[in-house]
Amino acid sequence: MTSDTAARTLLRDNEVFASLFNTVFFDGEEVIDYKTLVSYENDQLVLIDHQDIKRRRDIVKKARWDELARYDDMKKELDAQLAEAKIKVAVEAEIKAKAEFVLKLFKSKYLNEETKWLEDLTEYQYDQIFKKLIEDASLEEIKKIIGD
């Protein structure tokens, strides 16, 4: 038995095929499920000098459609996670923009006051401080918002 024949025989086994490809291409993660593989014969007959010669080709395996549905579900889950991450980034950007605006407004009203206490507040606190600044509230009233 030649090494080519031995390899071909070994790779016809769906479990061996899936294990090999999962190990080599997907770092051992079970991406290819051996139960979903379908084998296709890929032999050819060739006529040479009036003799039929059977020529063996590479092994062909395909996953059934239900396996593709699994990957579609995985893609949908990843898309949902990406959308959630984008929303989170947008919310964080909005809070940062509010913080910067409140800080600028505060500095315009209280030129010589320390602003360190205005960092890392919640969105609600920035909204409340903004309202107090618009109402020309005292510094003490504004600081009550964060319990300072």
Protein backbone atom coordinates (compact mmCIF):
# COMPACT_ATOMS: atom_id res chain seq x y z
CA MET A 1 0.00 0.00 0.00
CA THR A 2 1.43 3.36 -1.00
CA SER A 3 1.45 6.36 1.31
CA ASP A 4 -1.06 8.08 -1.01
CA THR A 5 -3.43 5.12 -0.74
CA ALA A 6 -3.00 4.98 3.03
CA ALA A 7 -3.71 8.71 3.40
CA ARG A 8 -6.73 8.44 1.10
CA THR A 9 -8.09 5.48 3.09
CA LEU A 10 -7.58 7.29 6.38
CA LEU A 11 -9.20 10.53 5.19
CA ARG A 12 -12.31 8.72 3.94
CA ASP A 13 -13.23 8.27 7.60
CA ASN A 14 -15.32 11.35 8.50
CA GLU A 15 -14.11 11.42 12.12
CA VAL A 16 -10.46 11.35 11.06
CA PHE A 17 -11.06 13.95 8.36
CA ALA A 18 -12.88 16.35 10.74
CA SER A 19 -10.32 15.87 13.50
CA LEU A 20 -7.39 16.52 11.18
CA PHE A 21 -8.87 19.66 9.62
CA ASN A 22 -10.11 21.03 12.96
CA THR A 23 -6.63 20.55 14.41
CA VAL A 24 -4.70 21.97 11.47
CA PHE A 25 -6.94 24.85 10.42
CA PHE A 26 -8.94 25.76 13.56
CA ASP A 27 -6.46 25.15 16.41
CA GLY A 28 -8.44 22.16 17.65
CA GLU A 29 -11.79 23.96 17.86
CA GLU A 30 -14.59 21.73 16.58
CA VAL A 31 -15.69 23.76 13.60
CA ILE A 32 -16.18 20.78 11.31
CA ASP A 33 -18.57 18.22 12.81
CA TYR A 34 -17.86 14.77 11.38
CA LYS A 35 -21.56 13.85 11.60
CA THR A 36 -22.43 16.49 9.00
CA LEU A 37 -19.87 15.46 6.39
CA VAL A 38 -21.01 13.87 3.15
CA SER A 39 -18.46 12.06 0.97
CA TYR A 40 -18.45 12.28 -2.80
CA GLU A 41 -16.70 9.85 -5.09
CA ASN A 42 -14.35 11.64 -7.40
CA ASP A 43 -12.85 8.85 -9.49
CA GLN A 44 -12.45 9.25 -13.24
CA LEU A 45 -12.12 6.75 -16.03
CA VAL A 46 -9.48 7.63 -18.62
CA LEU A 47 -9.00 5.87 -21.94
CA ILE A 48 -5.31 5.39 -22.79
CA ASP A 49 -4.28 3.17 -25.71
CA HIS A 50 -7.75 1.60 -25.79
CA GLN A 51 -7.54 0.65 -22.13
CA ASP A 52 -9.79 1.97 -19.40
CA ILE A 53 -7.66 3.29 -16.59
CA LYS A 54 -9.31 4.32 -13.38
CA ARG A 55 -7.77 7.46 -12.00
CA ARG A 56 -8.38 8.45 -8.40
CA ARG A 57 -8.77 12.09 -7.53
CA ASP A 58 -8.71 13.99 -4.27
CA ILE A 59 -11.21 13.20 -1.55
CA VAL A 60 -14.25 15.46 -1.67
CA LYS A 61 -16.34 16.11 1.43
CA LYS A 62 -19.04 18.67 2.02
CA ALA A 63 -21.03 19.65 5.07
CA ARG A 64 -24.79 19.21 5.00
CA TRP A 65 -27.00 22.31 4.95
CA ASP A 66 -27.87 22.02 8.65
CA GLU A 67 -24.21 22.66 9.40
CA LEU A 68 -24.34 25.83 7.33
CA ALA A 69 -27.37 26.91 9.36
CA ARG A 70 -25.25 26.54 12.50
CA TYR A 71 -22.67 28.93 11.05
CA ASP A 72 -25.44 31.30 10.03
CA ASP A 73 -26.65 31.28 13.65
CA MET A 74 -23.09 31.96 14.81
CA LYS A 75 -22.85 34.87 12.37
CA LYS A 76 -26.15 36.29 13.64
CA GLU A 77 -24.89 36.03 17.22
CA LEU A 78 -21.64 37.78 16.31
CA ASP A 79 -23.58 40.49 14.44
CA ALA A 80 -25.75 41.01 17.53
CA GLN A 81 -22.67 41.26 19.74
CA LEU A 82 -21.13 43.75 17.33
CA ALA A 83 -24.30 45.86 17.30
CA GLU A 84 -24.35 45.80 21.11
CA ALA A 85 -20.71 46.88 21.21
CA LYS A 86 -21.42 49.73 18.77
CA ILE A 87 -24.31 50.92 20.95
CA LYS A 88 -22.10 50.78 24.03
CA VAL A 89 -19.40 52.82 22.27
CA ALA A 90 -22.02 55.35 21.11
CA VAL A 91 -23.42 55.70 24.64
CA GLU A 92 -19.92 56.13 26.07
CA ALA A 93 -19.15 58.76 23.41
CA GLU A 94 -22.37 60.60 24.26
CA ILE A 95 -21.52 60.62 27.98
CA LYS A 96 -18.01 61.83 27.19
CA ALA A 97 -19.41 64.64 25.03
CA LYS A 98 -21.81 65.65 27.83
CA ALA A 99 -18.95 65.62 30.33
CA GLU A 100 -16.82 67.84 28.11
CA PHE A 101 -19.70 70.26 27.54
CA VAL A 102 -20.55 70.45 31.26
CA LEU A 103 -16.87 70.99 32.06
CA LYS A 104 -16.60 73.87 29.57
CA LEU A 105 -19.80 75.45 30.87
CA PHE A 106 -18.63 75.04 34.46
CA LYS A 107 -15.24 76.63 33.68
CA SER A 108 -16.98 79.57 31.98
CA LYS A 109 -19.07 80.23 35.12
CA TYR A 110 -16.51 79.32 37.80
CA LEU A 111 -13.19 80.44 36.33
CA ASN A 112 -10.93 79.69 39.29
CA GLU A 113 -12.60 76.54 40.65
CA GLU A 114 -11.03 73.07 40.68
CA THR A 115 -12.71 70.71 38.17
CA LYS A 116 -11.22 67.34 39.14
CA TRP A 117 -14.44 66.40 40.95
CA LEU A 118 -16.33 66.70 37.64
CA GLU A 119 -14.53 63.67 36.15
CA ASP A 120 -16.03 60.18 35.83
CA LEU A 121 -19.58 61.03 36.82
CA THR A 122 -22.70 59.28 35.61
CA GLU A 123 -24.76 60.56 32.72
CA TYR A 124 -27.52 61.45 35.18
CA GLN A 125 -25.10 63.52 37.28
CA TYR A 126 -23.86 65.43 34.23
CA ASP A 127 -27.49 66.15 33.25
CA GLN A 128 -28.26 67.42 36.75
CA ILE A 129 -25.13 69.59 36.89
CA PHE A 130 -25.98 71.01 33.47
CA LYS A 131 -29.47 71.98 34.71
CA LYS A 132 -27.99 73.64 37.80
CA LEU A 133 -25.46 75.55 35.69
CA ILE A 134 -28.24 76.81 33.40
CA GLU A 135 -30.26 77.86 36.47
CA ASP A 136 -27.21 79.76 37.81
CA ALA A 137 -27.23 77.62 40.95
CA SER A 138 -24.55 78.12 43.56
CA LEU A 139 -21.40 76.02 43.63
CA GLU A 140 -22.64 74.33 46.83
CA GLU A 141 -25.91 73.30 45.15
CA ILE A 142 -23.99 71.87 42.21
CA LYS A 143 -21.61 69.91 44.41
CA LYS A 144 -24.58 68.41 46.34
CA ILE A 145 -25.41 66.48 43.17
CA ILE A 146 -22.36 64.26 43.62
CA GLY A 147 -22.40 64.38 47.42
CA ASP A 148 -19.24 66.49 47.67
